[in-house]
């Protein structure tokens, strides 16, 4: 969650309510369960870590002052590192989805290239798992685990293909506009 919040701030400074709205929009129905306080706790931790700074923004008379958060240089470095990180599998694909959304919104990375990097890593891991499975005696408990790993990696590769197709379409539509 911290990296996704940082990436959303890479596009432009924002207050917590705006960040929560952008994350909810990016996650669709999965974002509905997002606890509003989670964003503010995350922002406080990021500020304490020196990755964001905040300042009071004077709002309209009917709205109280809000803290607007912006990235520090250290926060910008962390976003750049997170976008190119190849780390799979994650228990929750929502983080990778947010990485793609943030990359497109901030233009710090190409979502299609991020998908390609993940695919290369998954293919490498799939080859390793398949070789290990072939070397394992049939019927062994390890063979069952390795088969599960192979099936999970194949499913993840299919999902990445869908991601690539969707983000390529977004790229084509942006070029046509």
C-alpha atoms as a PDB file:
ATOM      1  CA  UNK A   1       0.000   0.000   0.000  1.00  0.00           C
ATOM      2  CA  UNK A   2       2.811   2.438   0.822  1.00  0.00           C
ATOM      3  CA  UNK A   3       4.364   2.145  -2.613  1.00  0.00           C
ATOM      4  CA  UNK A   4       1.024   2.615  -4.348  1.00  0.00           C
ATOM      5  CA  UNK A   5       0.346   5.764  -2.312  1.00  0.00           C
ATOM      6  CA  UNK A   6       3.805   7.097  -3.153  1.00  0.00           C
ATOM      7  CA  UNK A   7       3.251   6.372  -6.838  1.00  0.00           C
ATOM      8  CA  UNK A   8      -0.074   8.221  -6.806  1.00  0.00           C
ATOM      9  CA  UNK A   9       1.742  11.222  -5.304  1.00  0.00           C
ATOM     10  CA  UNK A  10       4.342  11.058  -8.080  1.00  0.00           C
ATOM     11  CA  UNK A  11       1.732  12.399 -10.474  1.00  0.00           C
ATOM     12  CA  UNK A  12       0.793  15.354  -8.278  1.00  0.00           C
ATOM     13  CA  UNK A  13       0.587  16.352  -4.619  1.00  0.00           C
ATOM     14  CA  UNK A  14      -2.712  15.440  -3.005  1.00  0.00           C
ATOM     15  CA  UNK A  15      -4.604  15.259   0.246  1.00  0.00           C
ATOM     16  CA  UNK A  16      -5.593  11.936   1.793  1.00  0.00           C
ATOM     17  CA  UNK A  17      -9.184  12.047   0.583  1.00  0.00           C
ATOM     18  CA  UNK A  18      -8.057  12.561  -3.026  1.00  0.00           C
ATOM     19  CA  UNK A  19      -5.554   9.697  -2.784  1.00  0.00           C
ATOM     20  CA  UNK A  20      -8.191   7.379  -1.379  1.00  0.00           C
ATOM     21  CA  UNK A  21     -10.581   8.282  -4.191  1.00  0.00           C
ATOM     22  CA  UNK A  22      -7.920   7.627  -6.862  1.00  0.00           C
ATOM     23  CA  UNK A  23      -6.967   4.293  -5.311  1.00  0.00           C
ATOM     24  CA  UNK A  24     -10.623   3.247  -5.032  1.00  0.00           C
ATOM     25  CA  UNK A  25     -11.195   4.202  -8.668  1.00  0.00           C
ATOM     26  CA  UNK A  26      -8.115   2.242  -9.755  1.00  0.00           C
ATOM     27  CA  UNK A  27      -9.179  -0.879  -7.851  1.00  0.00           C
ATOM     28  CA  UNK A  28     -12.845  -0.801  -8.813  1.00  0.00           C
ATOM     29  CA  UNK A  29     -15.013  -3.022  -6.593  1.00  0.00           C
ATOM     30  CA  UNK A  30     -11.935  -4.206  -4.664  1.00  0.00           C
ATOM     31  CA  UNK A  31     -11.352  -0.630  -3.525  1.00  0.00           C
ATOM     32  CA  UNK A  32     -14.745  -0.382  -1.851  1.00  0.00           C
ATOM     33  CA  UNK A  33     -13.456  -2.234   1.200  1.00  0.00           C
ATOM     34  CA  UNK A  34     -10.550   0.175   1.661  1.00  0.00           C
ATOM     35  CA  UNK A  35     -10.560   1.625   5.160  1.00  0.00           C
ATOM     36  CA  UNK A  36     -10.442   5.452   4.965  1.00  0.00           C
ATOM     37  CA  UNK A  37      -8.144   5.616   7.980  1.00  0.00           C
ATOM     38  CA  UNK A  38      -5.636   3.338   6.259  1.00  0.00           C
ATOM     39  CA  UNK A  39      -4.608   6.100   3.854  1.00  0.00           C
ATOM     40  CA  UNK A  40      -3.958   8.567   6.674  1.00  0.00           C
ATOM     41  CA  UNK A  41      -1.983   6.039   8.721  1.00  0.00           C
ATOM     42  CA  UNK A  42       0.065   5.219   5.608  1.00  0.00           C
ATOM     43  CA  UNK A  43       0.688   8.920   4.909  1.00  0.00           C
ATOM     44  CA  UNK A  44       1.818   9.487   8.503  1.00  0.00           C
ATOM     45  CA  UNK A  45       4.274   6.591   8.246  1.00  0.00           C
ATOM     46  CA  UNK A  46       5.594   7.829   4.910  1.00  0.00           C
ATOM     47  CA  UNK A  47       6.056  11.320   6.342  1.00  0.00           C
ATOM     48  CA  UNK A  48       7.872   9.941   9.385  1.00  0.00           C
ATOM     49  CA  UNK A  49      10.135   7.964   7.032  1.00  0.00           C
ATOM     50  CA  UNK A  50      10.976  11.134   5.095  1.00  0.00           C
ATOM     51  CA  UNK A  51       9.348   9.952   1.867  1.00  0.00           C
ATOM     52  CA  UNK A  52       6.617  12.619   1.815  1.00  0.00           C
ATOM     53  CA  UNK A  53       6.152  16.095   3.247  1.00  0.00           C
ATOM     54  CA  UNK A  54       2.897  17.795   4.053  1.00  0.00           C
ATOM     55  CA  UNK A  55       1.682  21.340   4.270  1.00  0.00           C
ATOM     56  CA  UNK A  56      -1.634  22.844   5.190  1.00  0.00           C
ATOM     57  CA  UNK A  57      -3.705  23.927   2.218  1.00  0.00           C
ATOM     58  CA  UNK A  58      -6.239  26.650   2.756  1.00  0.00           C
ATOM     59  CA  UNK A  59      -9.542  25.404   1.486  1.00  0.00           C
ATOM     60  CA  UNK A  60     -12.852  26.972   0.809  1.00  0.00           C
ATOM     61  CA  UNK A  61     -14.740  28.516   3.749  1.00  0.00           C
ATOM     62  CA  UNK A  62     -17.061  25.500   3.941  1.00  0.00           C
ATOM     63  CA  UNK A  63     -14.118  23.079   4.002  1.00  0.00           C
ATOM     64  CA  UNK A  64     -11.512  22.867   6.746  1.00  0.00           C
ATOM     65  CA  UNK A  65      -7.819  23.105   6.048  1.00  0.00           C
ATOM     66  CA  UNK A  66      -6.395  19.911   4.600  1.00  0.00           C
ATOM     67  CA  UNK A  67      -2.918  18.529   4.594  1.00  0.00           C
ATOM     68  CA  UNK A  68      -1.534  18.209   1.092  1.00  0.00           C
ATOM     69  CA  UNK A  69       1.188  15.607   0.695  1.00  0.00           C
ATOM     70  CA  UNK A  70       4.039  15.672  -1.818  1.00  0.00           C
ATOM     71  CA  UNK A  71       6.986  13.388  -2.504  1.00  0.00           C
ATOM     72  CA  UNK A  72      10.444  14.140  -1.237  1.00  0.00           C
ATOM     73  CA  UNK A  73      13.468  13.223  -3.396  1.00  0.00           C
ATOM     74  CA  UNK A  74      13.761  10.011  -1.343  1.00  0.00           C
ATOM     75  CA  UNK A  75      10.095   9.286  -2.081  1.00  0.00           C
ATOM     76  CA  UNK A  76      10.691   9.830  -5.802  1.00  0.00           C
ATOM     77  CA  UNK A  77      13.616   7.387  -5.696  1.00  0.00           C
ATOM     78  CA  UNK A  78      11.490   4.786  -3.931  1.00  0.00           C
ATOM     79  CA  UNK A  79       8.701   5.113  -6.534  1.00  0.00           C
ATOM     80  CA  UNK A  80      11.196   4.689  -9.373  1.00  0.00           C
ATOM     81  CA  UNK A  81      12.657   1.586  -7.705  1.00  0.00           C
ATOM     82  CA  UNK A  82       9.195   0.112  -7.033  1.00  0.00           C
ATOM     83  CA  UNK A  83       8.092   0.555 -10.626  1.00  0.00           C
ATOM     84  CA  UNK A  84      11.002  -1.469 -11.996  1.00  0.00           C
ATOM     85  CA  UNK A  85      10.965  -4.095  -9.230  1.00  0.00           C
ATOM     86  CA  UNK A  86      10.234  -7.595 -10.485  1.00  0.00           C
ATOM     87  CA  UNK A  87       8.776  -9.359  -7.492  1.00  0.00           C
ATOM     88  CA  UNK A  88       6.446 -12.285  -8.016  1.00  0.00           C
ATOM     89  CA  UNK A  89       4.328 -13.936  -6.828  1.00  0.00           C
ATOM     90  CA  UNK A  90       2.490 -11.550  -4.603  1.00  0.00           C
ATOM     91  CA  UNK A  91      -0.396 -12.868  -2.571  1.00  0.00           C
ATOM     92  CA  UNK A  92      -2.480  -9.971  -3.907  1.00  0.00           C
ATOM     93  CA  UNK A  93      -2.453  -9.004  -7.592  1.00  0.00           C
ATOM     94  CA  UNK A  94      -4.002  -5.646  -6.708  1.00  0.00           C
ATOM     95  CA  UNK A  95      -0.540  -4.227  -5.943  1.00  0.00           C
ATOM     96  CA  UNK A  96       0.734  -5.062  -9.416  1.00  0.00           C
ATOM     97  CA  UNK A  97      -2.434  -3.607 -10.912  1.00  0.00           C
ATOM     98  CA  UNK A  98      -1.857  -0.387  -8.943  1.00  0.00           C
ATOM     99  CA  UNK A  99       1.719  -0.333 -10.202  1.00  0.00           C
ATOM    100  CA  UNK A 100       0.436  -0.381 -13.784  1.00  0.00           C
ATOM    101  CA  UNK A 101      -2.129   2.342 -13.067  1.00  0.00           C
ATOM    102  CA  UNK A 102       0.476   4.498 -11.328  1.00  0.00           C
ATOM    103  CA  UNK A 103       3.015   3.977 -14.106  1.00  0.00           C
ATOM    104  CA  UNK A 104       0.509   5.124 -16.700  1.00  0.00           C
ATOM    105  CA  UNK A 105      -0.718   8.071 -14.633  1.00  0.00           C
ATOM    106  CA  UNK A 106       2.741   9.383 -13.772  1.00  0.00           C
ATOM    107  CA  UNK A 107       4.390   8.398 -17.057  1.00  0.00           C
ATOM    108  CA  UNK A 108       7.382   7.203 -15.022  1.00  0.00           C
ATOM    109  CA  UNK A 109       7.234   3.793 -16.686  1.00  0.00           C
ATOM    110  CA  UNK A 110       5.412   2.081 -19.536  1.00  0.00           C
ATOM    111  CA  UNK A 111       2.807  -0.379 -18.201  1.00  0.00           C
ATOM    112  CA  UNK A 112       3.341  -2.703 -21.179  1.00  0.00           C
ATOM    113  CA  UNK A 113       7.081  -2.842 -20.431  1.00  0.00           C
ATOM    114  CA  UNK A 114       6.362  -3.586 -16.759  1.00  0.00           C
ATOM    115  CA  UNK A 115       4.125  -6.471 -17.825  1.00  0.00           C
ATOM    116  CA  UNK A 116       6.866  -7.748 -20.149  1.00  0.00           C
ATOM    117  CA  UNK A 117       9.430  -7.667 -17.327  1.00  0.00           C
ATOM    118  CA  UNK A 118       7.076  -9.609 -15.062  1.00  0.00           C
ATOM    119  CA  UNK A 119       6.415 -12.113 -17.846  1.00  0.00           C
ATOM    120  CA  UNK A 120      10.149 -12.729 -18.312  1.00  0.00           C
ATOM    121  CA  UNK A 121      10.529 -13.374 -14.591  1.00  0.00           C
ATOM    122  CA  UNK A 122       7.543 -15.714 -14.492  1.00  0.00           C
ATOM    123  CA  UNK A 123       8.771 -17.639 -17.519  1.00  0.00           C
ATOM    124  CA  UNK A 124      12.166 -18.072 -15.838  1.00  0.00           C
ATOM    125  CA  UNK A 125      10.492 -19.356 -12.678  1.00  0.00           C
ATOM    126  CA  UNK A 126       8.178 -21.599 -14.688  1.00  0.00           C
ATOM    127  CA  UNK A 127      11.141 -23.226 -16.459  1.00  0.00           C
ATOM    128  CA  UNK A 128      12.841 -23.822 -13.097  1.00  0.00           C
ATOM    129  CA  UNK A 129       9.704 -25.333 -11.583  1.00  0.00           C
ATOM    130  CA  UNK A 130       9.112 -27.553 -14.619  1.00  0.00           C
ATOM    131  CA  UNK A 131      12.719 -28.831 -14.536  1.00  0.00           C
ATOM    132  CA  UNK A 132      12.424 -29.541 -10.811  1.00  0.00           C
ATOM    133  CA  UNK A 133       9.109 -31.328 -11.383  1.00  0.00           C
ATOM    134  CA  UNK A 134      10.632 -33.537 -14.078  1.00  0.00           C
ATOM    135  CA  UNK A 135      13.509 -34.433 -11.747  1.00  0.00           C
ATOM    136  CA  UNK A 136      11.162 -35.374  -8.887  1.00  0.00           C
ATOM    137  CA  UNK A 137       9.922 -38.978  -8.562  1.00  0.00           C
ATOM    138  CA  UNK A 138       6.275 -39.378  -9.546  1.00  0.00           C
ATOM    139  CA  UNK A 139       3.883 -39.414  -6.644  1.00  0.00           C
ATOM    140  CA  UNK A 140       6.217 -37.691  -4.192  1.00  0.00           C
ATOM    141  CA  UNK A 141       4.799 -34.943  -1.983  1.00  0.00           C
ATOM    142  CA  UNK A 142       7.295 -32.490  -3.512  1.00  0.00           C
ATOM    143  CA  UNK A 143       5.987 -33.322  -6.996  1.00  0.00           C
ATOM    144  CA  UNK A 144       2.502 -32.286  -5.937  1.00  0.00           C
ATOM    145  CA  UNK A 145       3.804 -28.974  -4.605  1.00  0.00           C
ATOM    146  CA  UNK A 146       5.844 -28.366  -7.754  1.00  0.00           C
ATOM    147  CA  UNK A 147       2.798 -29.111  -9.900  1.00  0.00           C
ATOM    148  CA  UNK A 148       0.860 -26.504  -7.919  1.00  0.00           C
ATOM    149  CA  UNK A 149       3.638 -23.962  -8.484  1.00  0.00           C
ATOM    150  CA  UNK A 150       3.635 -24.690 -12.231  1.00  0.00           C
ATOM    151  CA  UNK A 151      -0.153 -24.283 -12.427  1.00  0.00           C
ATOM    152  CA  UNK A 152      -0.060 -21.017 -10.471  1.00  0.00           C
ATOM    153  CA  UNK A 153       2.673 -19.601 -12.696  1.00  0.00           C
ATOM    154  CA  UNK A 154       0.738 -20.592 -15.825  1.00  0.00           C
ATOM    155  CA  UNK A 155      -2.374 -18.849 -14.491  1.00  0.00           C
ATOM    156  CA  UNK A 156      -0.348 -15.743 -13.641  1.00  0.00           C
ATOM    157  CA  UNK A 157       1.097 -15.727 -17.158  1.00  0.00           C
ATOM    158  CA  UNK A 158      -2.423 -15.829 -18.625  1.00  0.00           C
ATOM    159  CA  UNK A 159      -3.399 -12.878 -16.442  1.00  0.00           C
ATOM    160  CA  UNK A 160      -0.300 -10.965 -17.576  1.00  0.00           C
ATOM    161  CA  UNK A 161      -1.306 -11.609 -21.195  1.00  0.00           C
ATOM    162  CA  UNK A 162      -4.689 -10.021 -20.425  1.00  0.00           C
ATOM    163  CA  UNK A 163      -2.911  -7.079 -18.774  1.00  0.00           C
ATOM    164  CA  UNK A 164      -0.669  -6.605 -21.786  1.00  0.00           C
ATOM    165  CA  UNK A 165      -3.642  -6.662 -24.136  1.00  0.00           C
ATOM    166  CA  UNK A 166      -5.557  -4.108 -22.063  1.00  0.00           C
ATOM    167  CA  UNK A 167      -2.627  -1.713 -21.609  1.00  0.00           C
ATOM    168  CA  UNK A 168      -1.606  -2.017 -25.270  1.00  0.00           C
ATOM    169  CA  UNK A 169      -5.138  -0.959 -26.183  1.00  0.00           C
ATOM    170  CA  UNK A 170      -4.822   2.056 -23.866  1.00  0.00           C
ATOM    171  CA  UNK A 171      -1.520   2.963 -25.576  1.00  0.00           C
ATOM    172  CA  UNK A 172      -3.077   2.672 -29.043  1.00  0.00           C
ATOM    173  CA  UNK A 173      -6.045   4.821 -28.036  1.00  0.00           C
ATOM    174  CA  UNK A 174      -3.697   7.480 -26.604  1.00  0.00           C
ATOM    175  CA  UNK A 175      -1.714   7.520 -29.876  1.00  0.00           C
ATOM    176  CA  UNK A 176      -4.906   7.886 -31.902  1.00  0.00           C
ATOM    177  CA  UNK A 177      -6.131  10.796 -29.775  1.00  0.00           C
END
